[in-house]
C-alpha cells in the first residue's frame, strides 16, 4: 500500500469522524462571532406592570406571588428583600423583578437559555469539564491531520506544487495579517 493511498483512506475516515463536531463548532462559532449583535446564550424576557401606588414596604411571600401571577410570564418565586430605596427586589427562577410600591412600577427581567445554542456554545468554549477538553483536543489533532494530509492528496497543477501552494499560502497569510495589523 503506498503512502498516498494510506493518506487518502485516513483523511477520509478522520474527516467523517469529525463532521458532527465540526458542525457544532461552526454553528456556535458563527453565533459567538456576532455576540455584539445578540446574546447567543440567552434571550431576555421583559415585562412591565403598573399597580396602584402604595406606601407599604413589607410584603409577604403570598402577596409577592399574587403580584407575580399578573405577569404573562409565570415566574417562580425564590425570595425577596427591601432595598435602600424602599424598592422590593424579587428573585425568581432565571431572573429578577423590581417593584417600586411608591410609583406602582413593576419590572420583570428573565434570562432564558437559548435552546441548542446555549449547549453548543458551552461546548465551543470548553465550559463542560475535563472530558470535553480531551475530546476537543483529540478533535483538533484529527483536524490538523486532515488539513496536512489534504495537502498531499492531489498531484500536479491542483496539488501542493501548483495551485494548492498558492491557496495554502493565502490561508496562512490571512490570519497572520490580522494578527500583525489588527491585534495589539
Protein backbone atom coordinates (compact mmCIF):
# COMPACT_ATOMS: atom_id res chain seq x y z
CA UNK A 1 0.00 0.00 0.00
CA UNK A 2 1.55 3.33 -1.00
CA UNK A 3 1.64 6.41 1.22
CA UNK A 4 -0.80 8.44 -0.91
CA UNK A 5 -3.44 5.70 -0.74
CA UNK A 6 -2.97 5.37 3.05
CA UNK A 7 -3.28 9.15 3.47
CA UNK A 8 -6.44 9.18 1.36
CA UNK A 9 -8.02 6.43 3.49
CA UNK A 10 -7.09 8.06 6.82
CA UNK A 11 -8.04 11.54 5.51
CA UNK A 12 -11.48 10.23 4.50
CA UNK A 13 -12.10 8.30 7.74
CA UNK A 14 -10.93 11.05 10.09
CA UNK A 15 -12.89 13.55 8.01
CA UNK A 16 -16.09 11.56 8.52
CA UNK A 17 -15.31 11.21 12.21
CA UNK A 18 -15.09 14.96 12.83
CA UNK A 19 -18.08 16.08 10.72
CA UNK A 20 -20.56 16.26 13.65
CA UNK A 21 -18.19 18.06 15.97
CA UNK A 22 -17.18 20.43 13.16
CA UNK A 23 -20.87 21.25 12.63
CA UNK A 24 -21.26 22.17 16.32
CA UNK A 25 -18.10 24.31 16.28
CA UNK A 26 -19.15 26.03 13.05
CA UNK A 27 -22.67 26.94 14.18
CA UNK A 28 -21.59 28.03 17.65
CA UNK A 29 -18.57 29.88 16.21
CA UNK A 30 -20.81 31.98 13.97
CA UNK A 31 -23.15 32.65 16.92
CA UNK A 32 -20.25 33.66 19.18
CA UNK A 33 -18.66 35.83 16.49
CA UNK A 34 -21.79 38.01 16.49
CA UNK A 35 -22.29 38.36 20.25
CA UNK A 36 -22.16 42.17 19.91
CA UNK A 37 -25.33 41.89 17.78
CA UNK A 38 -27.20 39.43 20.01
CA UNK A 39 -26.74 37.27 23.08
CA UNK A 40 -26.01 33.77 21.76
CA UNK A 41 -26.55 32.18 25.20
CA UNK A 42 -29.78 33.79 26.47
CA UNK A 43 -32.94 35.57 25.39
CA UNK A 44 -34.33 38.35 27.54
CA UNK A 45 -37.95 38.22 28.64
CA UNK A 46 -39.00 41.65 29.87
CA UNK A 47 -42.41 42.75 31.12
CA UNK A 48 -43.68 45.84 32.92
CA UNK A 49 -46.75 46.26 35.11
CA UNK A 50 -48.31 49.27 36.70
CA UNK A 51 -50.05 48.73 40.04
CA UNK A 52 -51.73 51.25 42.31
CA UNK A 53 -49.12 53.19 44.30
CA UNK A 54 -48.62 52.22 47.92
CA UNK A 55 -46.59 53.23 50.95
CA UNK A 56 -46.32 49.62 52.05
CA UNK A 57 -42.76 48.24 52.05
CA UNK A 58 -43.22 44.91 53.83
CA UNK A 59 -44.78 42.18 51.71
CA UNK A 60 -45.43 38.53 52.46
CA UNK A 61 -44.48 35.76 50.08
CA UNK A 62 -48.18 35.26 49.29
CA UNK A 63 -48.55 38.94 48.33
CA UNK A 64 -45.48 38.74 46.10
CA UNK A 65 -46.76 35.55 44.44
CA UNK A 66 -50.14 37.23 43.80
CA UNK A 67 -48.31 40.11 42.09
CA UNK A 68 -46.17 37.71 40.02
CA UNK A 69 -49.33 36.00 38.70
CA UNK A 70 -50.27 39.28 36.96
CA UNK A 71 -47.40 38.86 34.50
CA UNK A 72 -47.87 36.92 31.27
CA UNK A 73 -44.61 35.12 32.04
CA UNK A 74 -45.18 32.88 35.05
CA UNK A 75 -42.10 33.49 37.18
CA UNK A 76 -41.29 31.11 40.03
CA UNK A 77 -40.64 32.94 43.32
CA UNK A 78 -37.40 32.32 45.23
CA UNK A 79 -37.07 35.18 47.75
CA UNK A 80 -37.31 38.94 48.11
CA UNK A 81 -35.98 41.84 50.16
CA UNK A 82 -36.38 45.61 50.55
CA UNK A 83 -33.59 47.74 49.05
CA UNK A 84 -32.23 51.02 50.48
CA UNK A 85 -34.54 52.90 48.09
CA UNK A 86 -37.58 51.11 49.55
CA UNK A 87 -37.96 49.07 46.37
CA UNK A 88 -38.72 45.38 46.54
CA UNK A 89 -36.22 43.16 44.75
CA UNK A 90 -37.74 39.78 44.00
CA UNK A 91 -35.60 36.85 42.93
CA UNK A 92 -37.34 34.42 40.62
CA UNK A 93 -36.02 31.46 38.65
CA UNK A 94 -33.75 32.76 35.88
CA UNK A 95 -34.25 36.43 36.74
CA UNK A 96 -35.46 39.26 38.95
CA UNK A 97 -38.43 41.52 39.47
CA UNK A 98 -38.07 45.10 40.72
CA UNK A 99 -41.12 46.61 42.38
CA UNK A 100 -41.37 50.27 43.34
CA UNK A 101 -44.52 50.42 45.54
CA UNK A 102 -44.50 54.23 45.70
CA UNK A 103 -44.69 54.54 41.91
CA UNK A 104 -46.56 51.27 41.37
CA UNK A 105 -43.98 50.18 38.75
CA UNK A 106 -43.07 46.51 38.48
CA UNK A 107 -40.37 45.30 36.05
CA UNK A 108 -39.68 41.64 35.33
CA UNK A 109 -36.47 40.52 33.61
CA UNK A 110 -35.80 36.86 32.86
CA UNK A 111 -32.78 35.40 31.07
CA UNK A 112 -33.90 32.21 29.30
CA UNK A 113 -31.31 29.84 27.91
CA UNK A 114 -31.46 29.72 24.14
CA UNK A 115 -32.30 26.12 23.24
CA UNK A 116 -29.49 24.34 21.39
CA UNK A 117 -27.28 27.47 21.22
CA UNK A 118 -26.68 27.58 24.98
CA UNK A 119 -25.45 23.99 24.97
CA UNK A 120 -23.31 24.15 21.82
CA UNK A 121 -21.74 27.44 22.93
CA UNK A 122 -20.73 25.78 26.23
CA UNK A 123 -19.10 23.02 24.18
CA UNK A 124 -17.38 25.51 21.89
CA UNK A 125 -15.98 27.46 24.86
CA UNK A 126 -14.91 24.21 26.60
CA UNK A 127 -17.00 25.03 29.68
CA UNK A 128 -18.28 21.50 30.18
CA UNK A 129 -15.48 19.88 32.13
CA UNK A 130 -12.31 17.90 31.60
CA UNK A 131 -13.84 15.16 29.43
CA UNK A 132 -14.86 17.63 26.74
CA UNK A 133 -11.43 19.29 26.82
CA UNK A 134 -9.87 15.92 25.98
CA UNK A 135 -12.42 15.26 23.22
CA UNK A 136 -11.80 18.75 21.85
CA UNK A 137 -8.02 18.25 21.89
CA UNK A 138 -8.35 14.92 20.08
CA UNK A 139 -10.60 16.52 17.51
CA UNK A 140 -8.05 19.30 17.00
CA UNK A 141 -5.38 16.66 16.29
CA UNK A 142 -7.71 14.93 13.81
CA UNK A 143 -8.45 18.24 12.07
CA UNK A 144 -4.75 19.02 11.88
CA UNK A 145 -4.14 15.61 10.34
CA UNK A 146 -6.98 16.12 7.84
CA UNK A 147 -5.56 19.54 6.91
CA UNK A 148 -1.98 18.32 6.48
CA UNK A 149 -2.89 15.07 4.72
CA UNK A 150 -5.13 17.02 2.35
CA UNK A 151 -2.05 18.91 1.16
CA UNK A 152 -0.58 15.71 -0.25
CA UNK A 153 -3.64 14.05 -1.79
CA UNK A 154 -3.57 15.75 -5.19
CA UNK A 155 -0.70 15.80 -7.71
CA UNK A 156 0.15 18.20 -10.48
CA UNK A 157 -1.27 21.65 -11.13
CA UNK A 158 -4.02 21.23 -8.47
CA UNK A 159 -1.65 19.79 -5.85
CA UNK A 160 0.83 21.36 -3.49
CA UNK A 161 3.25 22.09 -6.35
CA UNK A 162 0.62 24.09 -8.24
CA UNK A 163 -2.50 25.99 -7.21
CA UNK A 164 -2.56 24.24 -3.82
CA UNK A 165 0.67 26.01 -2.78
CA UNK A 166 -0.79 29.45 -3.53
CA UNK A 167 -4.10 28.77 -1.81
CA UNK A 168 -2.31 27.35 1.24
CA UNK A 169 -0.07 30.43 1.36
CA UNK A 170 -3.10 32.74 1.22
CA UNK A 171 -4.74 30.71 4.01
CA UNK A 172 -1.65 31.28 6.17
CA UNK A 173 -1.22 34.97 5.26
CA UNK A 174 -4.80 35.99 6.15
CA UNK A 175 -4.63 35.19 9.89
CA UNK A 176 -1.03 36.44 10.09
CA UNK A 177 -2.08 39.77 8.56
CA UNK A 178 -4.93 40.09 11.07
CA UNK A 179 -2.52 39.32 13.93
CA UNK A 180 0.08 41.81 12.69
CA UNK A 181 -2.20 44.69 11.75
CA UNK A 182 -5.30 44.44 13.92
CA UNK A 183 -4.41 42.73 17.19
CA UNK A 184 -2.22 44.63 19.63
